Amino acid sequence: MLNQIVLVGRLTRDITVNKSGKGNKVATLSLAIPRSFKNSEGVYETDFIDCVLFDNIADNTSEYCKKGDIVGIKGRVQSRVVEKDNEKEYLTEIIAEKVTFLSSKKED
């Protein structure tokens, strides 16, 4: 079986690194990825994919990348259950195993 994904998109916000309850460094980011086809109204839609980065990958990405930069992410899909107000919420996110810095947004 195989659980592997490759994404290329723009960062929707600057990245901040936090500490998890176990002491690991963790960062979350959202990638904006435009679809390659138009919808019925003739508009290209965009998907927003949440990704989680740990330790050195989180540090390096937050140091060298900012909102608008294009990055490539290789990782795996992970689902988990979070209890919120006594209700179960199912989350699906990408766990990044490698981040490639592809281009920076040009400064005006």
N, C-alpha and C. Protein backbone atom coordinates (compact mmCIF):
# COMPACT_ATOMS: atom_id res chain seq x y z
N MET A 1 0.84 -1.18 0.00
CA MET A 1 0.00 0.00 0.00
C MET A 1 0.88 1.24 0.00
N LEU A 2 0.32 2.33 -0.46
CA LEU A 2 1.10 3.55 -0.61
C LEU A 2 0.29 4.75 -0.16
N ASN A 3 0.88 5.58 0.67
CA ASN A 3 0.26 6.82 1.13
C ASN A 3 1.28 7.92 0.89
N GLN A 4 1.25 8.50 -0.29
CA GLN A 4 2.21 9.54 -0.66
C GLN A 4 1.53 10.59 -1.51
N ILE A 5 1.88 11.85 -1.28
CA ILE A 5 1.27 12.94 -2.04
C ILE A 5 2.33 13.98 -2.35
N VAL A 6 2.19 14.60 -3.52
CA VAL A 6 3.07 15.70 -3.92
C VAL A 6 2.18 16.87 -4.30
N LEU A 7 2.43 18.03 -3.69
CA LEU A 7 1.64 19.23 -3.93
C LEU A 7 2.57 20.39 -4.29
N VAL A 8 2.11 21.27 -5.15
CA VAL A 8 2.82 22.51 -5.46
C VAL A 8 1.79 23.63 -5.41
N GLY A 9 2.07 24.64 -4.59
CA GLY A 9 1.13 25.75 -4.47
C GLY A 9 1.75 26.93 -3.76
N ARG A 10 0.94 27.96 -3.57
CA ARG A 10 1.39 29.19 -2.89
C ARG A 10 0.98 29.16 -1.42
N LEU A 11 1.87 29.67 -0.57
CA LEU A 11 1.56 29.81 0.85
C LEU A 11 0.52 30.90 1.03
N THR A 12 -0.51 30.63 1.81
CA THR A 12 -1.58 31.60 2.02
C THR A 12 -1.30 32.54 3.19
N ARG A 13 -0.28 32.24 3.99
CA ARG A 13 0.07 33.10 5.13
C ARG A 13 1.52 32.79 5.54
N ASP A 14 2.09 33.70 6.34
CA ASP A 14 3.41 33.44 6.91
C ASP A 14 3.32 32.28 7.90
N ILE A 15 4.42 31.59 8.08
CA ILE A 15 4.44 30.40 8.92
C ILE A 15 5.03 30.73 10.29
N THR A 16 4.38 30.26 11.34
CA THR A 16 4.93 30.40 12.69
C THR A 16 5.13 29.01 13.27
N VAL A 17 6.22 28.84 13.98
CA VAL A 17 6.56 27.56 14.60
C VAL A 17 6.17 27.60 16.06
N ASN A 18 5.49 26.56 16.52
CA ASN A 18 5.08 26.42 17.92
C ASN A 18 5.64 25.13 18.48
N LYS A 19 5.49 24.94 19.79
CA LYS A 19 5.88 23.68 20.43
C LYS A 19 4.64 22.86 20.70
N SER A 20 4.73 21.56 20.40
CA SER A 20 3.62 20.65 20.69
C SER A 20 3.65 20.29 22.17
N GLY A 21 2.64 19.58 22.62
CA GLY A 21 2.60 19.11 24.00
C GLY A 21 3.75 18.19 24.35
N LYS A 22 4.31 17.53 23.34
CA LYS A 22 5.44 16.62 23.54
C LYS A 22 6.78 17.32 23.39
N GLY A 23 6.76 18.64 23.12
CA GLY A 23 8.00 19.39 23.00
C GLY A 23 8.56 19.49 21.59
N ASN A 24 7.89 18.87 20.62
CA ASN A 24 8.34 18.96 19.23
C ASN A 24 7.99 20.32 18.65
N LYS A 25 8.78 20.78 17.69
CA LYS A 25 8.44 21.98 16.95
C LYS A 25 7.43 21.59 15.88
N VAL A 26 6.38 22.40 15.73
CA VAL A 26 5.33 22.11 14.76
C VAL A 26 4.85 23.41 14.12
N ALA A 27 4.60 23.35 12.83
CA ALA A 27 4.05 24.50 12.11
C ALA A 27 2.96 23.99 11.18
N THR A 28 1.96 24.83 10.96
CA THR A 28 0.93 24.51 9.99
C THR A 28 0.94 25.56 8.90
N LEU A 29 0.61 25.13 7.71
CA LEU A 29 0.51 26.07 6.60
C LEU A 29 -0.64 25.64 5.72
N SER A 30 -1.09 26.56 4.91
CA SER A 30 -2.14 26.28 3.96
C SER A 30 -1.61 26.61 2.58
N LEU A 31 -1.76 25.67 1.64
CA LEU A 31 -1.33 25.87 0.26
C LEU A 31 -2.54 26.18 -0.60
N ALA A 32 -2.44 27.21 -1.41
CA ALA A 32 -3.47 27.54 -2.39
C ALA A 32 -3.04 26.91 -3.71
N ILE A 33 -3.87 26.02 -4.24
CA ILE A 33 -3.54 25.30 -5.47
C ILE A 33 -4.68 25.47 -6.45
N PRO A 34 -4.45 26.26 -7.51
CA PRO A 34 -5.52 26.46 -8.50
C PRO A 34 -5.74 25.18 -9.31
N ARG A 35 -6.99 24.92 -9.62
CA ARG A 35 -7.31 23.76 -10.45
C ARG A 35 -6.94 24.05 -11.90
N SER A 36 -6.70 23.02 -12.67
CA SER A 36 -6.23 23.18 -14.05
C SER A 36 -7.38 23.27 -15.05
N PHE A 37 -8.62 23.38 -14.56
CA PHE A 37 -9.77 23.48 -15.45
C PHE A 37 -10.77 24.49 -14.89
N LYS A 38 -11.61 25.01 -15.75
CA LYS A 38 -12.62 25.99 -15.34
C LYS A 38 -13.90 25.28 -14.92
N ASN A 39 -14.63 25.89 -13.98
CA ASN A 39 -15.92 25.34 -13.58
C ASN A 39 -16.99 25.72 -14.61
N SER A 40 -18.23 25.41 -14.34
CA SER A 40 -19.32 25.66 -15.29
C SER A 40 -19.54 27.15 -15.57
N GLU A 41 -19.03 28.01 -14.68
CA GLU A 41 -19.15 29.45 -14.87
C GLU A 41 -17.91 30.05 -15.54
N GLY A 42 -16.98 29.21 -15.94
CA GLY A 42 -15.78 29.68 -16.62
C GLY A 42 -14.70 30.24 -15.71
N VAL A 43 -14.72 29.84 -14.43
CA VAL A 43 -13.77 30.35 -13.45
C VAL A 43 -12.89 29.21 -12.95
N TYR A 44 -11.58 29.50 -12.81
CA TYR A 44 -10.68 28.53 -12.20
C TYR A 44 -10.88 28.57 -10.69
N GLU A 45 -11.21 27.44 -10.08
CA GLU A 45 -11.36 27.37 -8.63
C GLU A 45 -10.02 27.03 -8.01
N THR A 46 -9.90 27.31 -6.71
CA THR A 46 -8.66 27.05 -5.99
C THR A 46 -8.96 26.15 -4.80
N ASP A 47 -8.10 25.17 -4.58
CA ASP A 47 -8.19 24.32 -3.40
C ASP A 47 -7.20 24.83 -2.36
N PHE A 48 -7.60 24.78 -1.08
CA PHE A 48 -6.74 25.19 0.01
C PHE A 48 -6.47 23.95 0.86
N ILE A 49 -5.21 23.53 0.88
CA ILE A 49 -4.82 22.28 1.53
C ILE A 49 -3.98 22.59 2.77
N ASP A 50 -4.40 22.07 3.94
CA ASP A 50 -3.66 22.26 5.18
C ASP A 50 -2.54 21.23 5.29
N CYS A 51 -1.35 21.70 5.68
CA CYS A 51 -0.18 20.84 5.83
C CYS A 51 0.44 21.08 7.20
N VAL A 52 1.03 20.03 7.76
CA VAL A 52 1.70 20.10 9.06
C VAL A 52 3.17 19.76 8.86
N LEU A 53 4.05 20.59 9.46
CA LEU A 53 5.49 20.39 9.36
C LEU A 53 6.04 20.23 10.76
N PHE A 54 7.06 19.40 10.92
CA PHE A 54 7.66 19.17 12.22
C PHE A 54 9.15 19.49 12.22
N ASP A 55 9.65 19.84 13.40
CA ASP A 55 11.06 20.00 13.72
C ASP A 55 11.84 20.83 12.70
N ASN A 56 12.90 20.26 12.09
CA ASN A 56 13.77 21.04 11.19
C ASN A 56 13.03 21.53 9.95
N ILE A 57 12.11 20.73 9.43
CA ILE A 57 11.34 21.15 8.26
C ILE A 57 10.51 22.39 8.61
N ALA A 58 9.92 22.40 9.79
CA ALA A 58 9.14 23.56 10.24
C ALA A 58 10.03 24.78 10.39
N ASP A 59 11.19 24.62 11.03
CA ASP A 59 12.13 25.74 11.23
C ASP A 59 12.59 26.34 9.91
N ASN A 60 13.08 25.49 9.01
CA ASN A 60 13.63 25.97 7.74
C ASN A 60 12.57 26.65 6.88
N THR A 61 11.39 26.06 6.82
CA THR A 61 10.33 26.63 5.99
C THR A 61 9.88 27.99 6.54
N SER A 62 9.75 28.10 7.85
CA SER A 62 9.33 29.38 8.43
C SER A 62 10.41 30.44 8.26
N GLU A 63 11.68 30.04 8.25
CA GLU A 63 12.77 31.00 8.10
C GLU A 63 12.89 31.53 6.67
N TYR A 64 12.71 30.66 5.67
CA TYR A 64 13.01 31.03 4.29
C TYR A 64 11.78 31.32 3.43
N CYS A 65 10.59 31.05 3.92
CA CYS A 65 9.39 31.23 3.10
C CYS A 65 8.40 32.17 3.78
N LYS A 66 7.64 32.87 2.94
CA LYS A 66 6.61 33.77 3.47
C LYS A 66 5.38 33.68 2.58
N LYS A 67 4.33 34.37 2.99
CA LYS A 67 3.07 34.37 2.25
C LYS A 67 3.32 34.70 0.78
N GLY A 68 2.71 33.91 -0.11
CA GLY A 68 2.83 34.13 -1.54
C GLY A 68 3.91 33.32 -2.22
N ASP A 69 4.86 32.77 -1.46
CA ASP A 69 5.92 31.95 -2.05
C ASP A 69 5.34 30.63 -2.57
N ILE A 70 5.96 30.11 -3.61
CA ILE A 70 5.57 28.81 -4.15
C ILE A 70 6.48 27.74 -3.56
N VAL A 71 5.87 26.69 -3.02
CA VAL A 71 6.63 25.57 -2.46
C VAL A 71 6.07 24.26 -2.99
N GLY A 72 6.93 23.26 -2.99
CA GLY A 72 6.52 21.89 -3.28
C GLY A 72 6.58 21.11 -1.99
N ILE A 73 5.58 20.28 -1.76
CA ILE A 73 5.54 19.46 -0.54
C ILE A 73 5.35 18.01 -0.92
N LYS A 74 6.24 17.17 -0.39
CA LYS A 74 6.08 15.72 -0.52
C LYS A 74 5.77 15.21 0.87
N GLY A 75 4.73 14.41 0.98
CA GLY A 75 4.35 13.93 2.29
C GLY A 75 3.32 12.82 2.22
N ARG A 76 2.56 12.71 3.31
CA ARG A 76 1.54 11.67 3.40
C ARG A 76 0.25 12.27 3.93
N VAL A 77 -0.85 11.63 3.62
CA VAL A 77 -2.17 12.06 4.10
C VAL A 77 -2.43 11.38 5.44
N GLN A 78 -2.92 12.15 6.39
CA GLN A 78 -3.23 11.59 7.71
C GLN A 78 -4.60 12.09 8.16
N SER A 79 -5.40 11.19 8.71
CA SER A 79 -6.70 11.55 9.28
C SER A 79 -6.64 11.35 10.78
N ARG A 80 -7.34 12.23 11.49
CA ARG A 80 -7.41 12.07 12.95
C ARG A 80 -8.75 12.61 13.44
N VAL A 81 -9.10 12.22 14.65
CA VAL A 81 -10.35 12.64 15.26
C VAL A 81 -10.03 13.59 16.40
N VAL A 82 -10.73 14.72 16.43
CA VAL A 82 -10.58 15.70 17.50
C VAL A 82 -11.94 15.90 18.14
N GLU A 83 -11.98 15.85 19.48
CA GLU A 83 -13.24 16.09 20.18
C GLU A 83 -13.35 17.56 20.51
N LYS A 84 -14.46 18.17 20.10
CA LYS A 84 -14.70 19.59 20.32
C LYS A 84 -16.14 19.75 20.78
N ASP A 85 -16.33 20.27 21.98
CA ASP A 85 -17.66 20.45 22.55
C ASP A 85 -18.45 19.14 22.54
N ASN A 86 -17.81 18.06 22.96
CA ASN A 86 -18.39 16.72 23.02
C ASN A 86 -18.85 16.19 21.68
N GLU A 87 -18.30 16.72 20.61
CA GLU A 87 -18.60 16.22 19.26
C GLU A 87 -17.30 15.84 18.58
N LYS A 88 -17.34 14.77 17.83
CA LYS A 88 -16.15 14.32 17.12
C LYS A 88 -16.03 15.08 15.79
N GLU A 89 -14.83 15.57 15.54
CA GLU A 89 -14.54 16.26 14.29
C GLU A 89 -13.41 15.49 13.61
N TYR A 90 -13.62 15.13 12.35
CA TYR A 90 -12.62 14.38 11.61
C TYR A 90 -11.80 15.33 10.76
N LEU A 91 -10.48 15.30 10.95
CA LEU A 91 -9.57 16.17 10.21
C LEU A 91 -8.70 15.34 9.28
N THR A 92 -8.51 15.83 8.08
CA THR A 92 -7.58 15.22 7.14
C THR A 92 -6.55 16.28 6.80
N GLU A 93 -5.27 15.95 6.97
CA GLU A 93 -4.21 16.91 6.72
C GLU A 93 -3.02 16.21 6.07
N ILE A 94 -2.14 17.01 5.53
CA ILE A 94 -0.92 16.49 4.90
C ILE A 94 0.22 16.64 5.90
N ILE A 95 0.94 15.56 6.16
CA ILE A 95 2.13 15.61 7.00
C ILE A 95 3.32 15.71 6.04
N ALA A 96 4.01 16.86 6.09
CA ALA A 96 5.12 17.11 5.16
C ALA A 96 6.35 16.33 5.57
N GLU A 97 6.94 15.64 4.61
CA GLU A 97 8.19 14.93 4.83
C GLU A 97 9.36 15.65 4.15
N LYS A 98 9.05 16.46 3.13
CA LYS A 98 10.06 17.25 2.43
C LYS A 98 9.38 18.48 1.85
N VAL A 99 10.03 19.64 2.01
CA VAL A 99 9.52 20.89 1.43
C VAL A 99 10.61 21.44 0.51
N THR A 100 10.21 21.76 -0.71
CA THR A 100 11.13 22.35 -1.68
C THR A 100 10.70 23.78 -1.95
N PHE A 101 11.62 24.72 -1.78
CA PHE A 101 11.35 26.13 -2.01
C PHE A 101 11.50 26.40 -3.50
N LEU A 102 10.42 26.74 -4.18
CA LEU A 102 10.45 26.88 -5.63
C LEU A 102 10.63 28.32 -6.10
N SER A 103 9.90 29.26 -5.51
CA SER A 103 10.09 30.67 -5.89
C SER A 103 9.52 31.59 -4.83
N SER A 104 10.04 32.79 -4.80
CA SER A 104 9.56 33.80 -3.87
C SER A 104 8.66 34.77 -4.61
N LYS A 105 7.70 35.30 -3.89
CA LYS A 105 6.84 36.33 -4.45
C LYS A 105 7.69 37.60 -4.58
N LYS A 106 7.61 38.24 -5.73
CA LYS A 106 8.43 39.43 -5.96
C LYS A 106 7.91 40.59 -5.12
N GLU A 107 8.85 41.31 -4.50
CA GLU A 107 8.51 42.50 -3.70
C GLU A 107 8.24 43.66 -4.64
N ASP A 108 7.24 44.47 -4.31
CA ASP A 108 6.94 45.65 -5.13
C ASP A 108 7.84 46.81 -4.77
